[in-house]
N, C-alpha and C. Protein backbone atom coordinates (compact mmCIF):
# COMPACT_ATOMS: atom_id res chain seq x y z
N MET A 1 -10.11 8.60 9.40
CA MET A 1 -8.67 8.50 9.44
C MET A 1 -8.18 8.78 10.86
N PRO A 2 -7.53 7.84 11.48
CA PRO A 2 -7.03 8.09 12.84
C PRO A 2 -6.00 9.23 12.84
N ASP A 3 -6.12 10.12 13.82
CA ASP A 3 -5.20 11.25 13.93
C ASP A 3 -3.86 10.86 14.53
N ASN A 4 -3.82 9.72 15.22
CA ASN A 4 -2.55 9.29 15.81
C ASN A 4 -2.53 7.77 15.93
N GLY A 5 -1.40 7.25 16.32
CA GLY A 5 -1.25 5.80 16.45
C GLY A 5 -0.82 5.18 15.13
N GLY A 6 -0.28 4.00 15.22
CA GLY A 6 0.16 3.29 14.02
C GLY A 6 -1.00 2.92 13.13
N VAL A 7 -0.79 3.03 11.83
CA VAL A 7 -1.81 2.67 10.85
C VAL A 7 -1.12 1.97 9.68
N VAL A 8 -1.69 0.84 9.27
CA VAL A 8 -1.22 0.16 8.07
C VAL A 8 -2.22 0.51 6.96
N VAL A 9 -1.75 1.26 5.98
CA VAL A 9 -2.56 1.62 4.82
C VAL A 9 -2.37 0.51 3.79
N VAL A 10 -3.48 -0.12 3.39
CA VAL A 10 -3.43 -1.26 2.47
C VAL A 10 -4.14 -0.85 1.19
N SER A 11 -3.45 -0.98 0.05
CA SER A 11 -4.01 -0.51 -1.22
C SER A 11 -3.66 -1.44 -2.37
N ASN A 12 -4.47 -1.33 -3.42
CA ASN A 12 -4.09 -1.97 -4.69
C ASN A 12 -2.91 -1.20 -5.27
N HIS A 13 -2.24 -1.79 -6.27
CA HIS A 13 -1.00 -1.18 -6.79
C HIS A 13 -1.05 -1.16 -8.31
N GLN A 14 -1.12 0.07 -8.88
CA GLN A 14 -1.24 0.21 -10.32
C GLN A 14 -0.01 0.78 -11.01
N SER A 15 0.70 1.70 -10.35
CA SER A 15 1.83 2.34 -11.02
C SER A 15 2.79 2.95 -10.01
N TYR A 16 3.87 3.52 -10.53
CA TYR A 16 4.83 4.22 -9.67
C TYR A 16 4.22 5.46 -9.02
N PHE A 17 3.10 5.94 -9.56
CA PHE A 17 2.43 7.11 -8.99
C PHE A 17 1.77 6.81 -7.64
N ASP A 18 1.49 5.57 -7.35
CA ASP A 18 0.65 5.19 -6.22
C ASP A 18 1.11 5.74 -4.87
N PRO A 19 2.36 5.51 -4.44
CA PRO A 19 2.73 5.99 -3.10
C PRO A 19 2.54 7.49 -2.90
N PRO A 20 3.03 8.36 -3.81
CA PRO A 20 2.83 9.79 -3.55
C PRO A 20 1.37 10.23 -3.65
N LEU A 21 0.59 9.58 -4.50
CA LEU A 21 -0.82 9.96 -4.62
C LEU A 21 -1.61 9.55 -3.38
N ILE A 22 -1.33 8.38 -2.84
CA ILE A 22 -2.00 7.96 -1.61
C ILE A 22 -1.60 8.88 -0.47
N ALA A 23 -0.32 9.21 -0.40
CA ALA A 23 0.18 10.08 0.67
C ALA A 23 -0.42 11.49 0.57
N ALA A 24 -0.66 11.97 -0.63
CA ALA A 24 -1.16 13.33 -0.83
C ALA A 24 -2.52 13.55 -0.18
N GLY A 25 -3.31 12.52 -0.05
CA GLY A 25 -4.64 12.66 0.52
C GLY A 25 -4.71 12.45 2.02
N LEU A 26 -3.58 12.21 2.65
CA LEU A 26 -3.54 11.95 4.08
C LEU A 26 -3.02 13.15 4.86
N ARG A 27 -3.50 13.31 6.06
CA ARG A 27 -3.05 14.43 6.91
C ARG A 27 -1.75 14.13 7.63
N ARG A 28 -1.32 12.88 7.59
CA ARG A 28 -0.12 12.47 8.31
C ARG A 28 0.92 11.95 7.32
N GLN A 29 2.18 11.95 7.76
CA GLN A 29 3.25 11.43 6.91
C GLN A 29 3.06 9.94 6.71
N LEU A 30 3.33 9.48 5.49
CA LEU A 30 3.18 8.08 5.14
C LEU A 30 4.53 7.48 4.78
N ASN A 31 4.89 6.39 5.42
CA ASN A 31 6.08 5.61 5.07
C ASN A 31 5.60 4.48 4.16
N PHE A 32 6.48 3.99 3.32
CA PHE A 32 6.06 2.86 2.50
C PHE A 32 7.21 1.90 2.29
N LEU A 33 6.84 0.67 2.00
CA LEU A 33 7.81 -0.37 1.71
C LEU A 33 8.15 -0.32 0.23
N ALA A 34 9.41 -0.48 -0.09
CA ALA A 34 9.86 -0.52 -1.48
C ALA A 34 10.84 -1.67 -1.62
N ARG A 35 10.69 -2.43 -2.70
CA ARG A 35 11.62 -3.55 -2.85
C ARG A 35 13.05 -3.02 -2.92
N LYS A 36 13.91 -3.75 -2.29
CA LYS A 36 15.30 -3.34 -2.14
C LYS A 36 15.98 -3.06 -3.48
N SER A 37 15.59 -3.78 -4.51
CA SER A 37 16.20 -3.60 -5.83
C SER A 37 15.98 -2.18 -6.38
N LEU A 38 14.91 -1.50 -5.94
CA LEU A 38 14.65 -0.14 -6.41
C LEU A 38 15.69 0.85 -5.88
N PHE A 39 16.38 0.49 -4.82
CA PHE A 39 17.39 1.38 -4.23
C PHE A 39 18.71 1.32 -5.00
N ARG A 40 18.81 0.46 -6.01
CA ARG A 40 20.04 0.37 -6.81
C ARG A 40 20.17 1.51 -7.82
N LEU A 41 19.06 2.07 -8.23
CA LEU A 41 19.06 3.16 -9.20
C LEU A 41 19.25 4.48 -8.44
N LYS A 42 20.35 5.19 -8.71
CA LYS A 42 20.74 6.33 -7.88
C LYS A 42 19.65 7.38 -7.71
N PHE A 43 19.08 7.87 -8.81
CA PHE A 43 18.07 8.92 -8.68
C PHE A 43 16.85 8.40 -7.96
N PHE A 44 16.40 7.20 -8.34
CA PHE A 44 15.21 6.62 -7.72
C PHE A 44 15.46 6.33 -6.24
N ALA A 45 16.66 5.87 -5.92
CA ALA A 45 17.02 5.61 -4.51
C ALA A 45 16.95 6.91 -3.71
N TRP A 46 17.45 7.99 -4.29
CA TRP A 46 17.40 9.28 -3.62
C TRP A 46 15.94 9.70 -3.42
N LEU A 47 15.12 9.56 -4.47
CA LEU A 47 13.72 9.97 -4.41
C LEU A 47 12.95 9.18 -3.37
N ILE A 48 13.03 7.87 -3.41
CA ILE A 48 12.25 7.08 -2.45
C ILE A 48 12.83 7.19 -1.04
N GLY A 49 14.12 7.48 -0.96
CA GLY A 49 14.72 7.75 0.35
C GLY A 49 14.16 9.03 0.95
N MET A 50 13.96 10.05 0.11
CA MET A 50 13.37 11.31 0.56
C MET A 50 11.93 11.11 1.02
N LEU A 51 11.27 10.10 0.46
CA LEU A 51 9.89 9.80 0.82
C LEU A 51 9.81 8.82 1.99
N ASP A 52 10.96 8.56 2.61
CA ASP A 52 11.03 7.71 3.80
C ASP A 52 10.68 6.25 3.52
N ALA A 53 11.05 5.76 2.34
CA ALA A 53 10.79 4.37 2.00
C ALA A 53 11.62 3.43 2.86
N ILE A 54 11.07 2.27 3.10
CA ILE A 54 11.75 1.23 3.86
C ILE A 54 12.12 0.13 2.88
N PRO A 55 13.42 -0.16 2.72
CA PRO A 55 13.81 -1.22 1.79
C PRO A 55 13.33 -2.59 2.28
N LEU A 56 12.73 -3.35 1.37
CA LEU A 56 12.24 -4.68 1.70
C LEU A 56 12.87 -5.70 0.76
N GLU A 57 13.55 -6.64 1.32
CA GLU A 57 14.13 -7.74 0.53
C GLU A 57 12.99 -8.65 0.10
N THR A 58 12.81 -8.80 -1.20
CA THR A 58 11.70 -9.61 -1.70
C THR A 58 12.08 -11.08 -1.84
N GLU A 59 13.35 -11.37 -1.84
CA GLU A 59 13.80 -12.76 -1.85
C GLU A 59 13.92 -13.21 -0.40
N GLY A 60 13.28 -14.28 -0.04
CA GLY A 60 13.31 -14.72 1.34
C GLY A 60 12.25 -14.00 2.15
N ILE A 61 12.52 -13.76 3.41
CA ILE A 61 11.51 -13.23 4.31
C ILE A 61 11.57 -11.71 4.45
N GLY A 62 12.72 -11.11 4.32
CA GLY A 62 12.83 -9.66 4.42
C GLY A 62 12.69 -9.14 5.84
N PHE A 63 13.36 -9.81 6.78
CA PHE A 63 13.26 -9.46 8.20
C PHE A 63 13.59 -8.01 8.50
N GLU A 64 14.63 -7.45 7.88
CA GLU A 64 15.04 -6.08 8.21
C GLU A 64 13.94 -5.07 7.90
N GLY A 65 13.32 -5.20 6.73
CA GLY A 65 12.24 -4.29 6.36
C GLY A 65 11.03 -4.44 7.27
N ILE A 66 10.70 -5.68 7.63
CA ILE A 66 9.58 -5.94 8.53
C ILE A 66 9.87 -5.35 9.91
N LYS A 67 11.10 -5.58 10.39
CA LYS A 67 11.49 -5.07 11.71
C LYS A 67 11.40 -3.54 11.77
N GLU A 68 11.92 -2.88 10.74
CA GLU A 68 11.87 -1.42 10.69
C GLU A 68 10.43 -0.92 10.60
N SER A 69 9.60 -1.61 9.83
CA SER A 69 8.19 -1.23 9.70
C SER A 69 7.47 -1.36 11.03
N LEU A 70 7.69 -2.46 11.74
CA LEU A 70 7.06 -2.66 13.05
C LEU A 70 7.50 -1.58 14.03
N LYS A 71 8.78 -1.22 13.99
CA LYS A 71 9.30 -0.17 14.86
C LYS A 71 8.57 1.16 14.59
N ARG A 72 8.41 1.49 13.31
CA ARG A 72 7.73 2.74 12.96
C ARG A 72 6.26 2.71 13.36
N LEU A 73 5.61 1.56 13.17
CA LEU A 73 4.21 1.45 13.56
C LEU A 73 4.05 1.60 15.07
N ARG A 74 4.96 1.00 15.84
CA ARG A 74 4.91 1.14 17.30
C ARG A 74 5.16 2.58 17.74
N ASN A 75 5.88 3.34 16.90
CA ASN A 75 6.12 4.76 17.18
C ASN A 75 4.95 5.63 16.70
N GLY A 76 3.88 5.00 16.26
CA GLY A 76 2.69 5.75 15.87
C GLY A 76 2.69 6.23 14.44
N GLU A 77 3.56 5.68 13.60
CA GLU A 77 3.64 6.12 12.21
C GLU A 77 2.71 5.31 11.31
N MET A 78 2.63 5.73 10.06
CA MET A 78 1.80 5.05 9.06
C MET A 78 2.69 4.37 8.03
N ILE A 79 2.32 3.16 7.64
CA ILE A 79 3.07 2.39 6.65
C ILE A 79 2.11 1.99 5.53
N LEU A 80 2.52 2.19 4.29
CA LEU A 80 1.75 1.77 3.12
C LEU A 80 2.21 0.40 2.67
N VAL A 81 1.25 -0.50 2.47
CA VAL A 81 1.53 -1.87 2.02
C VAL A 81 0.72 -2.15 0.77
N PHE A 82 1.37 -2.74 -0.22
CA PHE A 82 0.68 -3.20 -1.43
C PHE A 82 0.65 -4.73 -1.38
N PRO A 83 -0.43 -5.32 -0.89
CA PRO A 83 -0.46 -6.77 -0.69
C PRO A 83 -0.46 -7.59 -1.98
N GLU A 84 -0.64 -6.95 -3.14
CA GLU A 84 -0.54 -7.67 -4.40
C GLU A 84 0.92 -8.02 -4.70
N GLY A 85 1.85 -7.28 -4.06
CA GLY A 85 3.27 -7.56 -4.21
C GLY A 85 3.95 -6.85 -5.36
N ALA A 86 3.21 -6.39 -6.34
CA ALA A 86 3.79 -5.72 -7.51
C ALA A 86 2.68 -4.94 -8.22
N ARG A 87 3.10 -4.08 -9.13
CA ARG A 87 2.13 -3.33 -9.92
C ARG A 87 1.34 -4.29 -10.82
N THR A 88 0.10 -3.93 -11.05
CA THR A 88 -0.79 -4.75 -11.87
C THR A 88 -0.33 -4.80 -13.33
N TRP A 89 -0.61 -5.90 -13.98
CA TRP A 89 -0.30 -6.02 -15.41
C TRP A 89 -1.49 -5.57 -16.27
N GLU A 90 -2.71 -5.68 -15.75
CA GLU A 90 -3.90 -5.37 -16.55
C GLU A 90 -4.74 -4.22 -16.01
N GLY A 91 -4.40 -3.67 -14.87
CA GLY A 91 -5.18 -2.59 -14.30
C GLY A 91 -6.19 -3.04 -13.27
N GLU A 92 -6.38 -4.33 -13.12
CA GLU A 92 -7.32 -4.88 -12.14
C GLU A 92 -6.57 -5.28 -10.87
N ILE A 93 -7.31 -5.58 -9.82
CA ILE A 93 -6.71 -6.00 -8.56
C ILE A 93 -6.32 -7.47 -8.65
N ALA A 94 -5.08 -7.76 -8.30
CA ALA A 94 -4.58 -9.14 -8.28
C ALA A 94 -4.81 -9.73 -6.89
N PRO A 95 -4.84 -11.05 -6.77
CA PRO A 95 -4.97 -11.66 -5.44
C PRO A 95 -3.83 -11.23 -4.52
N PHE A 96 -4.15 -11.05 -3.27
CA PHE A 96 -3.13 -10.64 -2.29
C PHE A 96 -2.22 -11.83 -1.98
N LEU A 97 -0.96 -11.53 -1.81
CA LEU A 97 0.03 -12.57 -1.52
C LEU A 97 -0.08 -13.04 -0.07
N GLN A 98 0.22 -14.29 0.11
CA GLN A 98 0.26 -14.83 1.46
C GLN A 98 1.37 -14.12 2.24
N GLY A 99 1.09 -13.75 3.45
CA GLY A 99 2.07 -13.06 4.29
C GLY A 99 2.11 -11.56 4.09
N SER A 100 1.32 -11.03 3.14
CA SER A 100 1.38 -9.60 2.83
C SER A 100 0.77 -8.71 3.92
N LEU A 101 0.00 -9.29 4.82
CA LEU A 101 -0.66 -8.50 5.85
C LEU A 101 -0.09 -8.77 7.24
N VAL A 102 1.09 -9.35 7.27
CA VAL A 102 1.73 -9.68 8.55
C VAL A 102 1.97 -8.45 9.41
N LEU A 103 2.26 -7.32 8.80
CA LEU A 103 2.48 -6.09 9.56
C LEU A 103 1.24 -5.68 10.35
N ALA A 104 0.09 -5.78 9.72
CA ALA A 104 -1.14 -5.40 10.40
C ALA A 104 -1.40 -6.31 11.59
N GLN A 105 -1.17 -7.60 11.41
CA GLN A 105 -1.43 -8.53 12.50
C GLN A 105 -0.40 -8.41 13.63
N ARG A 106 0.85 -8.30 13.29
CA ARG A 106 1.90 -8.24 14.32
C ARG A 106 1.93 -6.91 15.05
N SER A 107 1.61 -5.83 14.37
CA SER A 107 1.68 -4.51 15.01
C SER A 107 0.44 -4.20 15.83
N LYS A 108 -0.64 -4.93 15.57
CA LYS A 108 -1.91 -4.73 16.29
C LYS A 108 -2.41 -3.29 16.14
N THR A 109 -2.25 -2.76 14.94
CA THR A 109 -2.66 -1.38 14.67
C THR A 109 -3.88 -1.36 13.77
N THR A 110 -4.38 -0.19 13.53
CA THR A 110 -5.52 0.04 12.64
C THR A 110 -5.10 -0.18 11.19
N ILE A 111 -6.05 -0.67 10.39
CA ILE A 111 -5.84 -0.82 8.95
C ILE A 111 -6.73 0.20 8.24
N LEU A 112 -6.15 0.88 7.25
CA LEU A 112 -6.92 1.82 6.43
C LEU A 112 -6.99 1.27 5.00
N PRO A 113 -8.12 0.65 4.62
CA PRO A 113 -8.26 0.16 3.24
C PRO A 113 -8.31 1.35 2.27
N THR A 114 -7.60 1.21 1.16
CA THR A 114 -7.48 2.29 0.19
C THR A 114 -7.51 1.69 -1.21
N ALA A 115 -8.02 2.43 -2.18
CA ALA A 115 -8.00 1.96 -3.57
C ALA A 115 -7.69 3.13 -4.49
N LEU A 116 -7.04 2.79 -5.60
CA LEU A 116 -6.71 3.76 -6.65
C LEU A 116 -7.32 3.31 -7.96
N SER A 117 -7.62 4.27 -8.80
CA SER A 117 -8.08 3.97 -10.15
C SER A 117 -7.52 5.06 -11.07
N GLY A 118 -7.15 4.67 -12.26
CA GLY A 118 -6.64 5.61 -13.26
C GLY A 118 -5.12 5.68 -13.32
N CYS A 119 -4.45 5.22 -12.30
CA CYS A 119 -2.98 5.23 -12.30
C CYS A 119 -2.44 4.28 -13.36
N TYR A 120 -3.12 3.16 -13.54
CA TYR A 120 -2.68 2.19 -14.55
C TYR A 120 -2.77 2.82 -15.94
N GLU A 121 -3.84 3.53 -16.20
CA GLU A 121 -4.00 4.18 -17.51
C GLU A 121 -2.96 5.28 -17.70
N ALA A 122 -2.61 5.96 -16.62
CA ALA A 122 -1.62 7.04 -16.71
C ALA A 122 -0.20 6.52 -16.89
N TRP A 123 0.12 5.41 -16.20
CA TRP A 123 1.48 4.87 -16.31
C TRP A 123 1.46 3.36 -16.13
N PRO A 124 1.03 2.64 -17.17
CA PRO A 124 0.98 1.19 -17.06
C PRO A 124 2.37 0.59 -16.93
N ARG A 125 2.41 -0.56 -16.39
CA ARG A 125 3.67 -1.26 -16.13
C ARG A 125 4.50 -1.46 -17.41
N ILE A 126 3.84 -1.58 -18.53
CA ILE A 126 4.54 -1.86 -19.79
C ILE A 126 5.09 -0.62 -20.47
N LYS A 127 4.80 0.58 -19.95
CA LYS A 127 5.28 1.83 -20.55
C LYS A 127 6.47 2.39 -19.76
N LYS A 128 7.43 2.92 -20.52
CA LYS A 128 8.61 3.50 -19.88
C LYS A 128 8.32 4.85 -19.25
N PHE A 129 7.44 5.63 -19.88
CA PHE A 129 7.13 6.97 -19.39
C PHE A 129 5.62 7.12 -19.19
N PRO A 130 5.22 7.99 -18.27
CA PRO A 130 3.78 8.18 -18.00
C PRO A 130 3.11 9.06 -19.04
N ARG A 131 1.81 8.93 -19.10
CA ARG A 131 0.98 9.84 -19.88
C ARG A 131 0.64 10.99 -18.93
N LEU A 132 0.52 12.17 -19.44
CA LEU A 132 0.27 13.33 -18.59
C LEU A 132 -1.18 13.81 -18.68
N TRP A 133 -2.11 12.88 -18.90
CA TRP A 133 -3.51 13.22 -18.92
C TRP A 133 -4.29 12.05 -18.34
N GLY A 134 -5.55 12.28 -18.12
CA GLY A 134 -6.41 11.23 -17.58
C GLY A 134 -6.90 11.59 -16.19
N ARG A 135 -7.75 10.74 -15.67
CA ARG A 135 -8.34 10.97 -14.36
C ARG A 135 -7.85 9.90 -13.39
N ILE A 136 -7.20 10.36 -12.34
CA ILE A 136 -6.72 9.46 -11.29
C ILE A 136 -7.51 9.75 -10.03
N ARG A 137 -7.95 8.69 -9.38
CA ARG A 137 -8.73 8.85 -8.16
C ARG A 137 -8.19 7.94 -7.07
N VAL A 138 -8.28 8.42 -5.84
CA VAL A 138 -7.91 7.65 -4.66
C VAL A 138 -9.08 7.72 -3.71
N ILE A 139 -9.42 6.60 -3.09
CA ILE A 139 -10.49 6.57 -2.11
C ILE A 139 -9.99 5.82 -0.87
N TYR A 140 -10.32 6.37 0.28
CA TYR A 140 -9.93 5.77 1.56
C TYR A 140 -11.19 5.20 2.20
N GLY A 141 -11.12 3.95 2.62
CA GLY A 141 -12.27 3.32 3.25
C GLY A 141 -12.32 3.61 4.74
N LYS A 142 -13.29 3.00 5.38
CA LYS A 142 -13.44 3.14 6.83
C LYS A 142 -12.30 2.38 7.51
N PRO A 143 -11.60 3.03 8.45
CA PRO A 143 -10.53 2.34 9.17
C PRO A 143 -11.04 1.12 9.91
N ILE A 144 -10.20 0.10 9.98
CA ILE A 144 -10.54 -1.13 10.67
C ILE A 144 -9.63 -1.24 11.90
N PRO A 145 -10.18 -1.01 13.10
CA PRO A 145 -9.34 -1.12 14.30
C PRO A 145 -8.94 -2.57 14.54
N TYR A 146 -7.83 -2.75 15.24
CA TYR A 146 -7.31 -4.09 15.51
C TYR A 146 -8.36 -4.99 16.17
N SER A 147 -9.19 -4.42 17.02
CA SER A 147 -10.20 -5.22 17.72
C SER A 147 -11.16 -5.92 16.77
N GLU A 148 -11.31 -5.39 15.54
CA GLU A 148 -12.21 -6.00 14.56
C GLU A 148 -11.57 -7.15 13.78
N PHE A 149 -10.24 -7.28 13.83
CA PHE A 149 -9.62 -8.38 13.09
C PHE A 149 -8.66 -9.21 13.93
N GLU A 150 -8.58 -8.94 15.23
CA GLU A 150 -7.63 -9.67 16.07
C GLU A 150 -7.91 -11.16 16.13
N ASN A 151 -9.16 -11.58 15.95
CA ASN A 151 -9.49 -13.00 16.01
C ASN A 151 -9.52 -13.67 14.63
N LEU A 152 -9.18 -12.92 13.60
CA LEU A 152 -9.14 -13.49 12.25
C LEU A 152 -7.77 -14.11 11.99
N ASN A 153 -7.75 -15.23 11.28
CA ASN A 153 -6.46 -15.76 10.86
C ASN A 153 -6.03 -15.02 9.60
N GLU A 154 -4.84 -15.31 9.13
CA GLU A 154 -4.28 -14.58 7.99
C GLU A 154 -5.18 -14.67 6.76
N GLU A 155 -5.69 -15.84 6.46
CA GLU A 155 -6.54 -16.03 5.29
C GLU A 155 -7.83 -15.22 5.40
N GLU A 156 -8.44 -15.22 6.57
CA GLU A 156 -9.68 -14.46 6.78
C GLU A 156 -9.43 -12.96 6.64
N LEU A 157 -8.32 -12.48 7.19
CA LEU A 157 -7.98 -11.06 7.06
C LEU A 157 -7.71 -10.71 5.60
N ARG A 158 -7.02 -11.58 4.91
CA ARG A 158 -6.73 -11.33 3.49
C ARG A 158 -8.03 -11.24 2.69
N ARG A 159 -8.95 -12.15 2.93
CA ARG A 159 -10.24 -12.12 2.21
C ARG A 159 -11.03 -10.85 2.55
N LEU A 160 -11.03 -10.48 3.84
CA LEU A 160 -11.73 -9.26 4.26
C LEU A 160 -11.19 -8.04 3.51
N LEU A 161 -9.87 -7.90 3.48
CA LEU A 161 -9.28 -6.73 2.82
C LEU A 161 -9.40 -6.78 1.30
N GLU A 162 -9.28 -7.96 0.72
CA GLU A 162 -9.51 -8.07 -0.74
C GLU A 162 -10.91 -7.60 -1.08
N THR A 163 -11.89 -7.98 -0.26
CA THR A 163 -13.28 -7.58 -0.50
C THR A 163 -13.46 -6.08 -0.32
N ARG A 164 -12.93 -5.53 0.77
CA ARG A 164 -13.09 -4.09 1.03
C ARG A 164 -12.43 -3.25 -0.05
N ILE A 165 -11.24 -3.62 -0.45
CA ILE A 165 -10.52 -2.84 -1.47
C ILE A 165 -11.19 -3.00 -2.83
N ALA A 166 -11.69 -4.19 -3.14
CA ALA A 166 -12.41 -4.40 -4.40
C ALA A 166 -13.69 -3.53 -4.43
N GLU A 167 -14.37 -3.42 -3.30
CA GLU A 167 -15.57 -2.56 -3.23
C GLU A 167 -15.20 -1.10 -3.46
N LEU A 168 -14.12 -0.64 -2.84
CA LEU A 168 -13.66 0.73 -3.05
C LEU A 168 -13.28 0.96 -4.51
N PHE A 169 -12.56 0.00 -5.10
CA PHE A 169 -12.13 0.08 -6.49
C PHE A 169 -13.35 0.17 -7.41
N GLN A 170 -14.39 -0.61 -7.12
CA GLN A 170 -15.60 -0.59 -7.93
C GLN A 170 -16.29 0.76 -7.85
N ILE A 171 -16.28 1.38 -6.67
CA ILE A 171 -16.85 2.73 -6.52
C ILE A 171 -16.12 3.71 -7.45
N LEU A 172 -14.80 3.62 -7.47
CA LEU A 172 -14.01 4.52 -8.33
C LEU A 172 -14.29 4.27 -9.80
N LYS A 173 -14.41 3.01 -10.18
CA LYS A 173 -14.65 2.68 -11.59
C LYS A 173 -16.01 3.17 -12.06
N THR A 174 -17.00 3.16 -11.19
CA THR A 174 -18.34 3.60 -11.59
C THR A 174 -18.42 5.13 -11.63
N LYS A 175 -17.50 5.83 -10.97
CA LYS A 175 -17.49 7.30 -10.96
C LYS A 175 -16.78 7.90 -12.16
N ARG A 176 -16.15 7.08 -12.98
CA ARG A 176 -15.41 7.63 -14.13
C ARG A 176 -16.36 8.27 -15.04
């Protein structure tokens, strides 16, 4: 884990628990992107605002959220990105969306592959409230410096990260 400099943390997305659980295992403060519609709910807006969330417009390109994220990365901060675009419906990793890794490429920062397991079982997308039992695990992979992906196009980077995160996810599933 880099002690300084901008880092894009890239992870699968299983539940609302994901951002705080990923952040809990890091030595540095983690910013994350949240769809702008989540800021409409007063309590949730307050909560994710306290966690330094960056509102991202999911309709269209979302320039403001991208611009703010790039600014924070250039200031040496960490940003969490869920390239699947939404929480999983079945608990497995969904294909990464096109354009989901633009921050890593434009900011020229390190990428930290990350995977979660058990969050889906604790609070699946179809349930209104979480279960308060079960085993949740987070694993952080080896950081990927910009020099290792600067010559990759978007598709190649997406495949690389899908593979790395799937490998991490498989490690977690076999440890249950």
